[in-house]
Amino acid sequence: MHRLMAGSFIFLFLLVGWVYLSWGGQDSVPRGELRVVDRHRYNFISVVFNVFEPLMALDPDGNLVPRLAVRWQWLDDRTLEVVLRQGVAFHNGERFDAEILKLNWEENIRLQQPYLAGQFLNFQAGTRLEVIDPHTVRFIFPQPDGTALLKLSSMHIGNRQFYAEHGWGEKHW
């Protein structure tokens, strides 16, 4: 008799749990969308460092390591060539390429990002990006810039959907 009652209770709990999940319970599958809920200006740090990827990053020893860029080289003291990682897709399936980087570059220059990290990370006026092919770009600086790689490591890359729906910069959030 006790086994029958225990089995009945277990069955009842399983049934109630199944009904709850099928009648409006939360689906735990990631949807691949960014929803900015708290638009406080300092929350961009959390979004940027947890959602976006830079071209290169600093490892724990302070060395630059590839991220969205696979390699880079100085062609002269004012021209940096960067080869981009192939086969990278954003959450919505859009491919990462030189045109997406150019979109991010233009927004970065237009807004003089990053605001909160400090103006010293902004690029000099007249710095430009040239698309060589879908996976190669050149940054051309008006004068030598010894901090260019550090600046590029702080520039995070979003896709076209992000720019269309949210825009970039603390004023948009």
Protein backbone atom coordinates (compact mmCIF):
# COMPACT_ATOMS: atom_id res chain seq x y z
CA MET A 1 0.00 0.00 0.00
CA HIS A 2 2.84 2.42 0.85
CA ARG A 3 4.53 1.67 -2.46
CA LEU A 4 1.32 2.40 -4.33
CA MET A 5 0.89 5.73 -2.53
CA ALA A 6 4.56 6.68 -3.02
CA GLY A 7 4.36 5.74 -6.69
CA SER A 8 1.15 7.76 -7.05
CA PHE A 9 2.76 10.84 -5.50
CA ILE A 10 5.82 10.56 -7.74
CA PHE A 11 3.59 10.18 -10.79
CA LEU A 12 1.54 13.20 -9.69
CA PHE A 13 4.64 15.38 -9.22
CA LEU A 14 6.00 14.35 -12.63
CA LEU A 15 2.64 15.04 -14.25
CA VAL A 16 2.35 18.48 -12.62
CA GLY A 17 5.91 19.35 -13.67
CA TRP A 18 5.28 18.24 -17.24
CA VAL A 19 2.03 20.20 -17.44
CA TYR A 20 3.76 23.32 -16.05
CA LEU A 21 6.53 23.15 -18.63
CA SER A 22 4.14 22.60 -21.50
CA TRP A 23 1.70 25.35 -20.45
CA GLY A 24 3.88 28.44 -20.64
CA GLY A 25 7.07 27.39 -18.90
CA GLN A 26 10.27 29.05 -20.07
CA ASP A 27 12.15 27.47 -22.96
CA SER A 28 15.85 27.42 -22.03
CA VAL A 29 17.13 27.34 -25.62
CA PRO A 30 19.12 30.51 -26.43
CA ARG A 31 17.32 32.71 -28.90
CA GLY A 32 20.39 34.52 -30.21
CA GLU A 33 19.04 37.99 -29.53
CA LEU A 34 20.45 40.84 -27.49
CA ARG A 35 17.92 42.60 -25.31
CA VAL A 36 19.26 45.60 -23.43
CA VAL A 37 16.97 45.94 -20.41
CA ASP A 38 18.83 48.26 -18.05
CA ARG A 39 20.02 51.18 -20.15
CA HIS A 40 22.28 52.70 -17.50
CA ARG A 41 25.38 54.11 -19.18
CA TYR A 42 27.80 51.87 -17.28
CA ASN A 43 26.05 48.66 -18.32
CA PHE A 44 27.65 48.89 -21.74
CA ILE A 45 30.80 47.43 -20.16
CA SER A 46 28.98 44.21 -19.30
CA VAL A 47 27.39 43.99 -22.75
CA VAL A 48 30.60 44.77 -24.63
CA PHE A 49 32.81 42.31 -22.78
CA ASN A 50 30.27 39.49 -22.75
CA VAL A 51 28.70 39.80 -26.19
CA PHE A 52 31.14 41.39 -28.64
CA GLU A 53 34.49 40.21 -29.89
CA PRO A 54 37.49 42.45 -30.68
CA LEU A 55 40.03 41.99 -33.48
CA MET A 56 42.71 41.08 -30.96
CA ALA A 57 42.92 40.91 -27.18
CA LEU A 58 45.46 41.00 -24.40
CA ASP A 59 46.25 37.69 -22.72
CA PRO A 60 47.03 37.51 -18.97
CA ASP A 61 50.71 38.22 -19.73
CA GLY A 62 49.92 41.39 -21.68
CA ASN A 63 50.57 39.88 -25.13
CA LEU A 64 48.24 40.56 -28.04
CA VAL A 65 46.49 37.41 -29.23
CA PRO A 66 44.26 36.93 -32.28
CA ARG A 67 40.47 37.03 -31.95
CA LEU A 68 38.57 38.20 -35.05
CA ALA A 69 41.90 38.98 -36.71
CA VAL A 70 44.20 36.04 -37.38
CA ARG A 71 47.30 38.13 -38.01
CA TRP A 72 48.50 41.69 -38.52
CA GLN A 73 51.65 43.37 -39.72
CA TRP A 74 52.97 46.87 -40.13
CA LEU A 75 53.68 47.58 -43.81
CA ASP A 76 55.37 50.84 -42.81
CA ASP A 77 55.18 53.14 -39.78
CA ARG A 78 51.69 54.38 -40.77
CA THR A 79 50.02 51.37 -42.40
CA LEU A 80 48.76 48.33 -40.53
CA GLU A 81 47.42 45.38 -42.52
CA VAL A 82 45.02 43.03 -40.72
CA VAL A 83 43.85 39.63 -41.97
CA LEU A 84 40.42 38.70 -40.66
CA ARG A 85 39.26 35.32 -39.42
CA GLN A 86 37.16 33.44 -41.99
CA GLY A 87 34.08 31.38 -41.21
CA VAL A 88 32.86 33.58 -38.34
CA ALA A 89 29.09 34.07 -38.12
CA PHE A 90 27.10 36.31 -35.81
CA HIS A 91 24.18 34.96 -33.78
CA ASN A 92 21.78 35.72 -36.63
CA GLY A 93 23.87 33.93 -39.27
CA GLU A 94 25.39 37.07 -40.79
CA ARG A 95 29.02 36.52 -41.79
CA PHE A 96 31.85 38.58 -40.34
CA ASP A 97 33.96 40.18 -43.07
CA ALA A 98 35.76 43.38 -44.01
CA GLU A 99 32.51 45.24 -44.74
CA ILE A 100 31.19 44.56 -41.22
CA LEU A 101 34.51 45.73 -39.81
CA LYS A 102 34.25 48.87 -41.93
CA LEU A 103 30.74 49.55 -40.56
CA ASN A 104 32.06 49.22 -37.01
CA TRP A 105 35.11 51.34 -37.81
CA GLU A 106 32.97 54.15 -39.25
CA GLU A 107 30.67 54.14 -36.22
CA ASN A 108 33.66 54.08 -33.87
CA ILE A 109 35.22 57.08 -35.63
CA ARG A 110 31.91 58.95 -35.91
CA LEU A 111 31.15 58.57 -32.20
CA GLN A 112 34.74 58.93 -31.00
CA GLN A 113 34.36 55.73 -28.97
CA PRO A 114 35.04 54.57 -26.35
CA TYR A 115 33.57 57.22 -24.11
CA LEU A 116 34.00 55.69 -20.69
CA ALA A 117 37.34 53.99 -21.22
CA GLY A 118 38.92 57.32 -22.08
CA GLN A 119 39.55 59.60 -25.01
CA PHE A 120 43.14 58.38 -25.27
CA LEU A 121 41.74 55.27 -27.01
CA ASN A 122 40.26 57.31 -29.85
CA PHE A 123 42.05 57.24 -33.19
CA GLN A 124 43.68 60.36 -34.55
CA ALA A 125 41.67 62.47 -36.97
CA GLY A 126 42.43 61.36 -40.51
CA THR A 127 42.93 57.69 -39.63
CA ARG A 128 41.12 55.54 -42.16
CA LEU A 129 40.36 51.96 -43.05
CA GLU A 130 40.74 50.50 -46.56
CA VAL A 131 39.08 47.24 -47.54
CA ILE A 132 41.58 45.21 -49.60
CA ASP A 133 39.42 42.09 -49.99
CA PRO A 134 36.65 40.41 -47.94
CA HIS A 135 39.21 39.24 -45.35
CA THR A 136 41.93 41.88 -45.44
CA VAL A 137 41.90 45.52 -44.36
CA ARG A 138 44.48 48.24 -43.94
CA PHE A 139 44.43 50.93 -41.31
CA ILE A 140 46.22 54.06 -42.50
CA PHE A 141 47.30 56.53 -39.83
CA PRO A 142 48.16 60.20 -40.49
CA GLN A 143 51.25 59.77 -38.31
CA PRO A 144 52.83 56.83 -36.47
CA ASP A 145 50.60 55.54 -33.65
CA GLY A 146 52.30 53.27 -31.14
CA THR A 147 48.99 52.56 -29.40
CA ALA A 148 47.07 51.48 -32.52
CA LEU A 149 46.97 47.78 -31.63
CA LEU A 150 45.75 48.53 -28.11
CA LYS A 151 43.07 50.80 -29.54
CA LEU A 152 41.96 48.08 -31.96
CA SER A 153 41.80 45.58 -29.12
CA SER A 154 39.24 47.79 -27.39
CA MET A 155 37.03 48.14 -30.48
CA HIS A 156 34.34 45.48 -30.31
CA ILE A 157 32.49 44.32 -33.41
CA GLY A 158 28.70 44.22 -33.79
CA ASN A 159 26.66 43.11 -36.80
CA ARG A 160 24.19 45.03 -38.98
CA GLN A 161 21.20 43.85 -36.91
CA PHE A 162 22.76 45.32 -33.77
CA TYR A 163 23.28 48.70 -35.46
CA ALA A 164 19.76 48.69 -36.93
CA GLU A 165 18.04 47.76 -33.66
CA HIS A 166 20.24 49.33 -30.99
CA GLY A 167 22.91 51.56 -32.44
CA TRP A 168 26.25 51.97 -30.81
CA GLY A 169 27.35 54.17 -27.97
CA GLU A 170 26.01 54.97 -24.56
CA LYS A 171 23.49 57.48 -25.96
CA HIS A 172 21.64 54.67 -27.74
CA TRP A 173 21.29 52.43 -24.69
